[in-house]
Amino acid sequence: MDDDALMRSRVSGADHEDPDPGPQPGHEYRELCGGPLDGLLLDVTGWDTEQLTDGAALLTEIGRYGPGGRAHYEPRPTDPRRWDWAGDTP
């Protein structure tokens, strides 16, 4: 994703009615690839190295398990700025 596309993307967890759901200056993001949150950005501002290496289990209502389920994303080995979907859990 180029810088222009990044700035037009929607941040995971942003309110659907937010007039500016995109990335904010001074924040660090990861692009979510595949799965129910494909194409969203995850704000990882302030995350430490271990957290960035581990990835994340993100709450989502649109995954396999519906409300309360989690979508798991892990850093892509060849490009850690992109996190690939690794599956859903209840």
C-alpha atoms as a PDB file:
ATOM      1  CA  MET A   1       0.000   0.000   0.000  1.00  0.00           C
ATOM      2  CA  ASP A   2       1.490   3.350  -0.971  1.00  0.00           C
ATOM      3  CA  ASP A   3       1.443   6.367   1.356  1.00  0.00           C
ATOM      4  CA  ASP A   4      -1.530   7.977  -0.418  1.00  0.00           C
ATOM      5  CA  ALA A   5      -3.631   4.820  -0.121  1.00  0.00           C
ATOM      6  CA  LEU A   6      -2.605   4.462   3.513  1.00  0.00           C
ATOM      7  CA  MET A   7      -3.889   7.942   4.319  1.00  0.00           C
ATOM      8  CA  ARG A   8      -7.288   7.136   2.733  1.00  0.00           C
ATOM      9  CA  SER A   9      -7.751   3.894   4.696  1.00  0.00           C
ATOM     10  CA  ARG A  10     -10.081   3.428   7.648  1.00  0.00           C
ATOM     11  CA  VAL A  11      -8.673   2.636  11.074  1.00  0.00           C
ATOM     12  CA  SER A  12      -9.978  -0.496  12.815  1.00  0.00           C
ATOM     13  CA  GLY A  13     -12.254   0.444  15.680  1.00  0.00           C
ATOM     14  CA  ALA A  14     -13.125   3.875  14.278  1.00  0.00           C
ATOM     15  CA  ASP A  15     -16.781   4.807  14.639  1.00  0.00           C
ATOM     16  CA  HIS A  16     -18.708   4.315  11.380  1.00  0.00           C
ATOM     17  CA  GLU A  17     -20.115   7.825  11.770  1.00  0.00           C
ATOM     18  CA  ASP A  18     -16.732   9.444  12.418  1.00  0.00           C
ATOM     19  CA  PRO A  19     -16.216  12.104   9.734  1.00  0.00           C
ATOM     20  CA  ASP A  20     -12.465  11.357   9.714  1.00  0.00           C
ATOM     21  CA  PRO A  21     -11.991   7.591  10.342  1.00  0.00           C
ATOM     22  CA  GLY A  22      -8.562   7.563   8.723  1.00  0.00           C
ATOM     23  CA  PRO A  23      -5.068   7.563  10.156  1.00  0.00           C
ATOM     24  CA  GLN A  24      -3.987  10.438  12.358  1.00  0.00           C
ATOM     25  CA  PRO A  25      -0.641  12.273  12.240  1.00  0.00           C
ATOM     26  CA  GLY A  26       1.917  10.993  14.713  1.00  0.00           C
ATOM     27  CA  HIS A  27       0.406   7.502  14.913  1.00  0.00           C
ATOM     28  CA  GLU A  28       1.862   4.213  13.681  1.00  0.00           C
ATOM     29  CA  TYR A  29      -0.305   1.698  11.812  1.00  0.00           C
ATOM     30  CA  ARG A  30      -0.298  -1.839  10.431  1.00  0.00           C
ATOM     31  CA  GLU A  31      -2.393  -2.866   7.418  1.00  0.00           C
ATOM     32  CA  LEU A  32      -4.659  -5.869   8.098  1.00  0.00           C
ATOM     33  CA  CYS A  33      -4.665  -8.321   5.174  1.00  0.00           C
ATOM     34  CA  GLY A  34      -7.285 -11.013   4.637  1.00  0.00           C
ATOM     35  CA  GLY A  35     -10.011 -12.182   6.995  1.00  0.00           C
ATOM     36  CA  PRO A  36     -12.905 -10.116   8.300  1.00  0.00           C
ATOM     37  CA  LEU A  37     -10.881  -6.916   8.841  1.00  0.00           C
ATOM     38  CA  ASP A  38      -9.137  -6.926   5.458  1.00  0.00           C
ATOM     39  CA  GLY A  39      -8.017  -3.478   4.359  1.00  0.00           C
ATOM     40  CA  LEU A  40      -8.372  -1.787   7.751  1.00  0.00           C
ATOM     41  CA  LEU A  41      -5.485  -0.197   9.601  1.00  0.00           C
ATOM     42  CA  LEU A  42      -4.588  -1.107  13.180  1.00  0.00           C
ATOM     43  CA  ASP A  43      -3.214   1.702  15.350  1.00  0.00           C
ATOM     44  CA  VAL A  44      -0.116   0.275  17.060  1.00  0.00           C
ATOM     45  CA  THR A  45       1.155   3.560  18.473  1.00  0.00           C
ATOM     46  CA  GLY A  46       3.005   2.848  21.699  1.00  0.00           C
ATOM     47  CA  TRP A  47       3.187  -0.919  21.228  1.00  0.00           C
ATOM     48  CA  ASP A  48       6.485  -2.486  22.308  1.00  0.00           C
ATOM     49  CA  THR A  49       8.609  -4.814  20.173  1.00  0.00           C
ATOM     50  CA  GLU A  50       7.147  -7.973  21.730  1.00  0.00           C
ATOM     51  CA  GLN A  51       3.566  -6.865  21.042  1.00  0.00           C
ATOM     52  CA  LEU A  52       4.454  -5.989  17.443  1.00  0.00           C
ATOM     53  CA  THR A  53       6.088  -9.393  16.982  1.00  0.00           C
ATOM     54  CA  ASP A  54       3.161 -11.312  18.507  1.00  0.00           C
ATOM     55  CA  GLY A  55       0.408  -9.706  16.430  1.00  0.00           C
ATOM     56  CA  ALA A  56      -3.111  -9.263  17.785  1.00  0.00           C
ATOM     57  CA  ALA A  57      -6.452 -10.939  18.471  1.00  0.00           C
ATOM     58  CA  LEU A  58      -8.997  -8.261  17.552  1.00  0.00           C
ATOM     59  CA  LEU A  59     -12.644  -8.216  18.583  1.00  0.00           C
ATOM     60  CA  THR A  60     -14.972  -8.287  15.602  1.00  0.00           C
ATOM     61  CA  GLU A  61     -18.661  -8.894  15.007  1.00  0.00           C
ATOM     62  CA  ILE A  62     -18.129  -9.965  11.414  1.00  0.00           C
ATOM     63  CA  GLY A  63     -15.817 -12.932  11.913  1.00  0.00           C
ATOM     64  CA  ARG A  64     -16.704 -16.618  11.907  1.00  0.00           C
ATOM     65  CA  TYR A  65     -17.950 -16.522  15.513  1.00  0.00           C
ATOM     66  CA  GLY A  66     -20.032 -13.342  15.306  1.00  0.00           C
ATOM     67  CA  PRO A  67     -20.235 -10.801  18.149  1.00  0.00           C
ATOM     68  CA  GLY A  68     -17.523 -11.360  20.727  1.00  0.00           C
ATOM     69  CA  GLY A  69     -15.336 -13.356  18.347  1.00  0.00           C
ATOM     70  CA  ARG A  70     -11.754 -12.449  17.606  1.00  0.00           C
ATOM     71  CA  ALA A  71      -9.814 -12.262  14.372  1.00  0.00           C
ATOM     72  CA  HIS A  72      -6.122 -13.111  14.774  1.00  0.00           C
ATOM     73  CA  TYR A  73      -3.516 -11.220  12.745  1.00  0.00           C
ATOM     74  CA  GLU A  74       0.242 -11.832  12.611  1.00  0.00           C
ATOM     75  CA  PRO A  75       3.062  -9.777  11.066  1.00  0.00           C
ATOM     76  CA  ARG A  76       3.966 -10.862   7.544  1.00  0.00           C
ATOM     77  CA  PRO A  77       7.553 -12.209   7.636  1.00  0.00           C
ATOM     78  CA  THR A  78       8.522 -10.389   4.440  1.00  0.00           C
ATOM     79  CA  ASP A  79       6.798  -7.088   5.354  1.00  0.00           C
ATOM     80  CA  PRO A  80       5.989  -6.542   9.048  1.00  0.00           C
ATOM     81  CA  ARG A  81       3.964  -3.410   8.169  1.00  0.00           C
ATOM     82  CA  ARG A  82       1.301  -5.818   6.858  1.00  0.00           C
ATOM     83  CA  TRP A  83      -0.389  -8.282   9.185  1.00  0.00           C
ATOM     84  CA  ASP A  84      -1.980 -11.402   7.722  1.00  0.00           C
ATOM     85  CA  TRP A  85      -5.134 -13.036   9.034  1.00  0.00           C
ATOM     86  CA  ALA A  86      -4.387 -16.286  10.888  1.00  0.00           C
ATOM     87  CA  GLY A  87      -7.966 -17.331  11.730  1.00  0.00           C
ATOM     88  CA  ASP A  88     -10.855 -16.601  14.079  1.00  0.00           C
ATOM     89  CA  THR A  89     -11.609 -17.760  17.627  1.00  0.00           C
ATOM     90  CA  PRO A  90     -14.718 -17.456  19.803  1.00  0.00           C
END
